[in-house]
Amino acid sequence: MRVLRRIQVAWGTVPSEWAGAISGYAGVDSFSGLMSFEGSGPAGRCTATGALAGRVDEKTMTFEWTAPGGNLGTCAGVFPQSAVVRLRRQ
């Protein structure tokens, strides 16, 4: 039997240029869910939510974020098309 745990966490940068949330399901060795970004764009605040998935081991989590498809309007070019998020336990 595979056990999945629901994960929900808010994140932000210092200084507060970017913020967002991560939500999804974590298994013993993997994570799959969504990551949102909110930041400043040419026309004010911009938000985007994309897929986040990756591997988890006992000390490191490596996820790849994929930008949402479609027309982002005035927020086009504000968000990366993809990004790698690495977290390390200390």
C-alpha atoms as a PDB file:
ATOM      1  CA  MET A   1       0.000   0.000   0.000  1.00  0.00           C
ATOM      2  CA  ARG A   2       1.289   3.460  -0.905  1.00  0.00           C
ATOM      3  CA  VAL A   3       0.701   6.210   1.642  1.00  0.00           C
ATOM      4  CA  LEU A   4       0.370   9.808   0.447  1.00  0.00           C
ATOM      5  CA  ARG A   5       0.389  12.868   2.664  1.00  0.00           C
ATOM      6  CA  ARG A   6      -1.270  16.154   1.757  1.00  0.00           C
ATOM      7  CA  ILE A   7       1.172  19.083   1.899  1.00  0.00           C
ATOM      8  CA  GLN A   8       0.230  22.780   2.028  1.00  0.00           C
ATOM      9  CA  VAL A   9       2.755  25.530   2.742  1.00  0.00           C
ATOM     10  CA  ALA A  10       3.128  29.250   2.058  1.00  0.00           C
ATOM     11  CA  TRP A  11       6.484  30.653   0.954  1.00  0.00           C
ATOM     12  CA  GLY A  12       8.018  34.084   0.417  1.00  0.00           C
ATOM     13  CA  THR A  13      11.304  35.837  -0.247  1.00  0.00           C
ATOM     14  CA  VAL A  14      13.118  38.425   1.847  1.00  0.00           C
ATOM     15  CA  PRO A  15      12.793  41.220   0.838  1.00  0.00           C
ATOM     16  CA  SER A  16       9.183  40.484  -0.047  1.00  0.00           C
ATOM     17  CA  GLU A  17       9.435  40.539  -3.853  1.00  0.00           C
ATOM     18  CA  TRP A  18       7.899  37.085  -4.400  1.00  0.00           C
ATOM     19  CA  ALA A  19       5.427  34.939  -2.483  1.00  0.00           C
ATOM     20  CA  GLY A  20       3.186  31.973  -3.124  1.00  0.00           C
ATOM     21  CA  ALA A  21       2.082  28.562  -1.977  1.00  0.00           C
ATOM     22  CA  ILE A  22       2.925  24.899  -2.541  1.00  0.00           C
ATOM     23  CA  SER A  23       0.258  22.207  -2.294  1.00  0.00           C
ATOM     24  CA  GLY A  24       0.121  18.593  -3.339  1.00  0.00           C
ATOM     25  CA  TYR A  25       0.792  15.047  -2.245  1.00  0.00           C
ATOM     26  CA  ALA A  26       4.053  13.560  -0.952  1.00  0.00           C
ATOM     27  CA  GLY A  27       4.894   9.882  -0.962  1.00  0.00           C
ATOM     28  CA  VAL A  28       7.930   8.155   0.496  1.00  0.00           C
ATOM     29  CA  ASP A  29      10.173   9.246  -2.387  1.00  0.00           C
ATOM     30  CA  SER A  30       8.205  11.718  -4.517  1.00  0.00           C
ATOM     31  CA  PHE A  31       6.046  14.842  -4.572  1.00  0.00           C
ATOM     32  CA  SER A  32       3.439  16.003  -7.065  1.00  0.00           C
ATOM     33  CA  GLY A  33       1.356  19.141  -6.846  1.00  0.00           C
ATOM     34  CA  LEU A  34       1.172  22.848  -7.637  1.00  0.00           C
ATOM     35  CA  MET A  35       3.306  25.890  -6.832  1.00  0.00           C
ATOM     36  CA  SER A  36       2.005  29.437  -7.137  1.00  0.00           C
ATOM     37  CA  PHE A  37       4.021  32.615  -7.644  1.00  0.00           C
ATOM     38  CA  GLU A  38       2.913  36.169  -6.950  1.00  0.00           C
ATOM     39  CA  GLY A  39       5.097  39.139  -7.775  1.00  0.00           C
ATOM     40  CA  SER A  40       5.273  42.493  -9.524  1.00  0.00           C
ATOM     41  CA  GLY A  41       4.868  42.820 -13.267  1.00  0.00           C
ATOM     42  CA  PRO A  42       4.604  45.664 -15.774  1.00  0.00           C
ATOM     43  CA  ALA A  43       0.931  46.233 -14.899  1.00  0.00           C
ATOM     44  CA  GLY A  44       1.064  45.563 -11.150  1.00  0.00           C
ATOM     45  CA  ARG A  45       0.660  42.271  -9.294  1.00  0.00           C
ATOM     46  CA  CYS A  46       0.995  39.091 -11.327  1.00  0.00           C
ATOM     47  CA  THR A  47       0.138  35.553 -10.278  1.00  0.00           C
ATOM     48  CA  ALA A  48       0.762  32.175 -11.875  1.00  0.00           C
ATOM     49  CA  THR A  49       0.294  28.574 -10.776  1.00  0.00           C
ATOM     50  CA  GLY A  50       2.185  25.720 -12.372  1.00  0.00           C
ATOM     51  CA  ALA A  51       2.867  22.045 -11.863  1.00  0.00           C
ATOM     52  CA  LEU A  52       5.530  21.006  -9.340  1.00  0.00           C
ATOM     53  CA  ALA A  53       6.878  17.460  -9.218  1.00  0.00           C
ATOM     54  CA  GLY A  54      10.035  15.705  -8.146  1.00  0.00           C
ATOM     55  CA  ARG A  55      12.005  13.247  -6.074  1.00  0.00           C
ATOM     56  CA  VAL A  56      12.549  13.154  -2.322  1.00  0.00           C
ATOM     57  CA  ASP A  57      15.284  11.296  -0.450  1.00  0.00           C
ATOM     58  CA  GLU A  58      16.369  11.424   3.177  1.00  0.00           C
ATOM     59  CA  LYS A  59      18.247  14.741   2.837  1.00  0.00           C
ATOM     60  CA  THR A  60      17.279  16.433  -0.434  1.00  0.00           C
ATOM     61  CA  MET A  61      14.118  17.330  -2.328  1.00  0.00           C
ATOM     62  CA  THR A  62      14.486  18.333  -5.983  1.00  0.00           C
ATOM     63  CA  PHE A  63      11.411  19.586  -7.808  1.00  0.00           C
ATOM     64  CA  GLU A  64      10.818  21.014 -11.258  1.00  0.00           C
ATOM     65  CA  TRP A  65       8.232  23.760 -11.722  1.00  0.00           C
ATOM     66  CA  THR A  66       6.528  24.081 -15.095  1.00  0.00           C
ATOM     67  CA  ALA A  67       4.849  27.361 -15.996  1.00  0.00           C
ATOM     68  CA  PRO A  68       1.173  27.390 -16.874  1.00  0.00           C
ATOM     69  CA  GLY A  69       0.297  27.420 -20.554  1.00  0.00           C
ATOM     70  CA  GLY A  70      -1.866  29.998 -22.216  1.00  0.00           C
ATOM     71  CA  ASN A  71      -1.842  33.770 -22.436  1.00  0.00           C
ATOM     72  CA  LEU A  72      -0.590  35.494 -19.286  1.00  0.00           C
ATOM     73  CA  GLY A  73      -1.508  38.932 -20.672  1.00  0.00           C
ATOM     74  CA  THR A  74       0.443  41.764 -19.019  1.00  0.00           C
ATOM     75  CA  CYS A  75       2.265  39.174 -16.893  1.00  0.00           C
ATOM     76  CA  ALA A  76       3.922  37.500 -19.913  1.00  0.00           C
ATOM     77  CA  GLY A  77       7.664  37.265 -19.338  1.00  0.00           C
ATOM     78  CA  VAL A  78       7.412  37.844 -15.568  1.00  0.00           C
ATOM     79  CA  PHE A  79       7.535  34.162 -14.614  1.00  0.00           C
ATOM     80  CA  PRO A  80      10.124  31.589 -15.717  1.00  0.00           C
ATOM     81  CA  GLN A  81       9.014  28.884 -18.164  1.00  0.00           C
ATOM     82  CA  SER A  82      10.534  26.329 -15.806  1.00  0.00           C
ATOM     83  CA  ALA A  83      12.539  26.333 -12.585  1.00  0.00           C
ATOM     84  CA  VAL A  84      14.308  23.817 -10.378  1.00  0.00           C
ATOM     85  CA  VAL A  85      13.606  24.055  -6.639  1.00  0.00           C
ATOM     86  CA  ARG A  86      16.087  22.248  -4.371  1.00  0.00           C
ATOM     87  CA  LEU A  87      15.556  21.926  -0.641  1.00  0.00           C
ATOM     88  CA  ARG A  88      18.152  20.357   1.631  1.00  0.00           C
ATOM     89  CA  ARG A  89      17.667  19.166   5.204  1.00  0.00           C
ATOM     90  CA  GLN A  90      20.359  20.362   7.618  1.00  0.00           C
END
